[in-house]
C-alpha atoms as a PDB file:
ATOM      1  CA  MET A   1     126.797 102.817 109.116  1.00  0.00           C
ATOM      2  CA  ASN A   2     128.584 101.403 106.091  1.00  0.00           C
ATOM      3  CA  GLU A   3     127.416  98.390 104.090  1.00  0.00           C
ATOM      4  CA  SER A   4     129.841  95.879 105.653  1.00  0.00           C
ATOM      5  CA  ASP A   5     128.710  96.893 109.162  1.00  0.00           C
ATOM      6  CA  ALA A   6     125.104  96.477 108.115  1.00  0.00           C
ATOM      7  CA  LEU A   7     125.747  93.020 106.670  1.00  0.00           C
ATOM      8  CA  SER A   8     127.575  91.831 109.793  1.00  0.00           C
ATOM      9  CA  ARG A   9     124.749  92.725 112.180  1.00  0.00           C
ATOM     10  CA  LYS A  10     122.370  90.012 113.313  1.00  0.00           C
ATOM     11  CA  ALA A  11     118.605  90.383 113.696  1.00  0.00           C
ATOM     12  CA  VAL A  12     116.925  90.617 117.085  1.00  0.00           C
ATOM     13  CA  PHE A  13     113.817  88.467 117.336  1.00  0.00           C
ATOM     14  CA  LEU A  14     111.229  89.330 119.956  1.00  0.00           C
ATOM     15  CA  GLY A  15     109.436  86.623 121.845  1.00  0.00           C
ATOM     16  CA  PRO A  16     105.848  86.945 123.064  1.00  0.00           C
ATOM     17  CA  GLY A  17     105.560  89.824 125.522  1.00  0.00           C
ATOM     18  CA  GLU A  18     109.015  91.260 124.742  1.00  0.00           C
ATOM     19  CA  GLY A  19     109.704  94.762 123.507  1.00  0.00           C
ATOM     20  CA  ARG A  20     107.589  97.854 123.973  1.00  0.00           C
ATOM     21  CA  SER A  21     104.001  98.138 122.804  1.00  0.00           C
ATOM     22  CA  TYR A  22     102.593 101.427 121.560  1.00  0.00           C
ATOM     23  CA  PRO A  23      98.826 101.349 120.950  1.00  0.00           C
ATOM     24  CA  MET A  24      97.884 104.253 118.681  1.00  0.00           C
ATOM     25  CA  GLY A  25      94.155 103.987 118.061  1.00  0.00           C
ATOM     26  CA  ARG A  26      93.580 101.595 115.171  1.00  0.00           C
ATOM     27  CA  ILE A  27      97.321 101.078 114.728  1.00  0.00           C
ATOM     28  CA  ALA A  28      99.608  99.371 117.227  1.00  0.00           C
ATOM     29  CA  ALA A  29     103.341  98.790 117.193  1.00  0.00           C
ATOM     30  CA  VAL A  30     105.779  96.614 119.084  1.00  0.00           C
ATOM     31  CA  PHE A  31     109.489  97.097 118.699  1.00  0.00           C
ATOM     32  CA  LYS A  32     112.861  96.861 120.380  1.00  0.00           C
ATOM     33  CA  ALA A  33     115.072  99.518 118.877  1.00  0.00           C
ATOM     34  CA  ASP A  34     117.410 101.138 121.379  1.00  0.00           C
ATOM     35  CA  GLU A  35     121.125 100.417 120.954  1.00  0.00           C
ATOM     36  CA  SER A  36     121.415  99.064 124.501  1.00  0.00           C
ATOM     37  CA  GLU A  37     118.382  96.795 124.053  1.00  0.00           C
ATOM     38  CA  SER A  38     119.372  95.429 120.675  1.00  0.00           C
ATOM     39  CA  GLU A  39     123.093  95.130 121.436  1.00  0.00           C
ATOM     40  CA  SER A  40     124.061  96.755 118.109  1.00  0.00           C
ATOM     41  CA  ARG A  41     121.983  94.247 116.155  1.00  0.00           C
ATOM     42  CA  TYR A  42     119.129  95.026 113.802  1.00  0.00           C
ATOM     43  CA  SER A  43     115.824  95.384 115.553  1.00  0.00           C
ATOM     44  CA  ILE A  44     112.587  93.916 114.314  1.00  0.00           C
ATOM     45  CA  SER A  45     109.455  96.027 114.284  1.00  0.00           C
ATOM     46  CA  GLU A  46     105.908  94.790 113.992  1.00  0.00           C
ATOM     47  CA  TRP A  47     102.968  96.983 113.031  1.00  0.00           C
ATOM     48  CA  TRP A  48      99.367  95.917 112.706  1.00  0.00           C
ATOM     49  CA  LEU A  49      95.829  97.203 112.561  1.00  0.00           C
ATOM     50  CA  GLU A  50      93.359  96.139 115.206  1.00  0.00           C
ATOM     51  CA  PRO A  51      90.825  93.745 113.710  1.00  0.00           C
ATOM     52  CA  LYS A  52      87.594  95.359 112.592  1.00  0.00           C
ATOM     53  CA  PRO A  53      84.414  93.624 111.480  1.00  0.00           C
ATOM     54  CA  SER A  54      84.084  93.335 107.715  1.00  0.00           C
ATOM     55  CA  TRP A  55      81.726  91.844 105.150  1.00  0.00           C
ATOM     56  CA  TYR A  56      82.428  90.533 101.661  1.00  0.00           C
ATOM     57  CA  LEU A  57      80.002  89.928  98.811  1.00  0.00           C
ATOM     58  CA  VAL A  58      81.257  87.140  96.532  1.00  0.00           C
ATOM     59  CA  ALA A  59      79.981  87.510  92.973  1.00  0.00           C
ATOM     60  CA  ILE A  60      79.905  83.853  91.995  1.00  0.00           C
ATOM     61  CA  GLU A  61      79.723  84.547  88.231  1.00  0.00           C
ATOM     62  CA  ASP A  62      82.629  87.024  88.278  1.00  0.00           C
ATOM     63  CA  LYS A  63      85.017  86.461  85.362  1.00  0.00           C
ATOM     64  CA  MET A  64      87.528  89.131  86.499  1.00  0.00           C
ATOM     65  CA  ILE A  65      88.216  87.911  90.043  1.00  0.00           C
ATOM     66  CA  PRO A  66      87.492  84.170  90.325  1.00  0.00           C
ATOM     67  CA  PRO A  67      85.138  83.315  93.203  1.00  0.00           C
ATOM     68  CA  PRO A  68      87.766  81.078  94.896  1.00  0.00           C
ATOM     69  CA  ALA A  69      90.126  84.082  94.993  1.00  0.00           C
ATOM     70  CA  GLN A  70      87.339  86.240  96.418  1.00  0.00           C
ATOM     71  CA  ARG A  71      86.628  83.640  99.107  1.00  0.00           C
ATOM     72  CA  PHE A  72      90.335  83.421  99.957  1.00  0.00           C
ATOM     73  CA  MET A  73      90.623  87.205 100.352  1.00  0.00           C
ATOM     74  CA  ALA A  74      87.449  87.350 102.436  1.00  0.00           C
ATOM     75  CA  GLU A  75      88.626  84.524 104.698  1.00  0.00           C
ATOM     76  CA  ARG A  76      92.055  86.093 105.113  1.00  0.00           C
ATOM     77  CA  ALA A  77      90.380  89.345 106.176  1.00  0.00           C
ATOM     78  CA  GLY A  78      88.070  87.501 108.585  1.00  0.00           C
ATOM     79  CA  SER A  79      85.041  88.834 106.740  1.00  0.00           C
ATOM     80  CA  THR A  80      81.464  87.663 107.010  1.00  0.00           C
ATOM     81  CA  VAL A  81      80.804  86.293 103.528  1.00  0.00           C
ATOM     82  CA  VAL A  82      77.633  86.479 101.445  1.00  0.00           C
ATOM     83  CA  GLU A  83      77.511  84.899  97.991  1.00  0.00           C
ATOM     84  CA  VAL A  84      75.267  86.135  95.190  1.00  0.00           C
ATOM     85  CA  ALA A  85      74.841  85.074  91.568  1.00  0.00           C
ATOM     86  CA  GLY A  86      76.146  87.927  89.457  1.00  0.00           C
ATOM     87  CA  SER A  87      79.048  89.350  87.510  1.00  0.00           C
ATOM     88  CA  HIS A  88      82.003  91.526  88.494  1.00  0.00           C
ATOM     89  CA  ALA A  89      79.759  94.624  88.493  1.00  0.00           C
ATOM     90  CA  ILE A  90      77.551  93.082  91.172  1.00  0.00           C
ATOM     91  CA  TYR A  91      76.294  96.484  92.308  1.00  0.00           C
ATOM     92  CA  VAL A  92      74.712  96.877  88.837  1.00  0.00           C
ATOM     93  CA  SER A  93      73.350  93.357  88.378  1.00  0.00           C
ATOM     94  CA  GLN A  94      72.254  92.788  91.991  1.00  0.00           C
ATOM     95  CA  PRO A  95      71.713  96.197  93.632  1.00  0.00           C
ATOM     96  CA  ASP A  96      69.216  94.816  96.153  1.00  0.00           C
ATOM     97  CA  ALA A  97      71.724  92.199  97.360  1.00  0.00           C
ATOM     98  CA  VAL A  98      74.416  94.878  97.704  1.00  0.00           C
ATOM     99  CA  ALA A  99      72.052  97.178  99.632  1.00  0.00           C
ATOM    100  CA  LYS A 100      71.014  94.299 101.906  1.00  0.00           C
ATOM    101  CA  LEU A 101      74.658  93.473 102.683  1.00  0.00           C
ATOM    102  CA  ILE A 102      75.451  97.118 103.440  1.00  0.00           C
ATOM    103  CA  LYS A 103      72.440  97.315 105.766  1.00  0.00           C
ATOM    104  CA  THR A 104      73.427  94.060 107.491  1.00  0.00           C
ATOM    105  CA  ALA A 105      77.001  95.314 107.936  1.00  0.00           C
ATOM    106  CA  ALA A 106      75.844  98.648 109.338  1.00  0.00           C
ATOM    107  CA  GLU A 107      73.532  96.897 111.793  1.00  0.00           C
ATOM    108  CA  GLY A 108      76.320  94.509 112.797  1.00  0.00           C
ATOM    109  CA  VAL A 109      78.748  97.323 113.510  1.00  0.00           C
ATOM    110  CA  THR A 110      76.080  99.237 115.451  1.00  0.00           C
ATOM    111  CA  GLU A 111      75.303  96.149 117.582  1.00  0.00           C
ATOM    112  CA  LYS A 112      78.975  95.600 118.416  1.00  0.00           C
ATOM    113  CA  ALA A 113      79.463  99.257 119.286  1.00  0.00           C
ATOM    114  CA  GLY A 114      76.496  99.127 121.650  1.00  0.00           C
ATOM    115  CA  SER A 115      77.695  96.056 123.544  1.00  0.00           C
END
């Protein structure tokens, strides 16, 4: 396809439940790509990872990554958040807090897997 053909094509937008879904373990995809389905228009693909439980330890005295940025990233990831006083190298300044969070996370994943 030449550039002018590409520029003249319109996007295909999929509504909820449209297209084909391909679950592939942790990765899933939905797309509508065949010429007959997309009527010679660009197709839109969507890829995502299935949500997994996660935990985030906010180092509230971190000068490298500000705590509000850490909280934002943790919230965006849907993480369970624990906050501890300490610097960017929290695993050095607060090793017990890090170990406790790892243990809590491991127990949480084990509980969910058993249910």
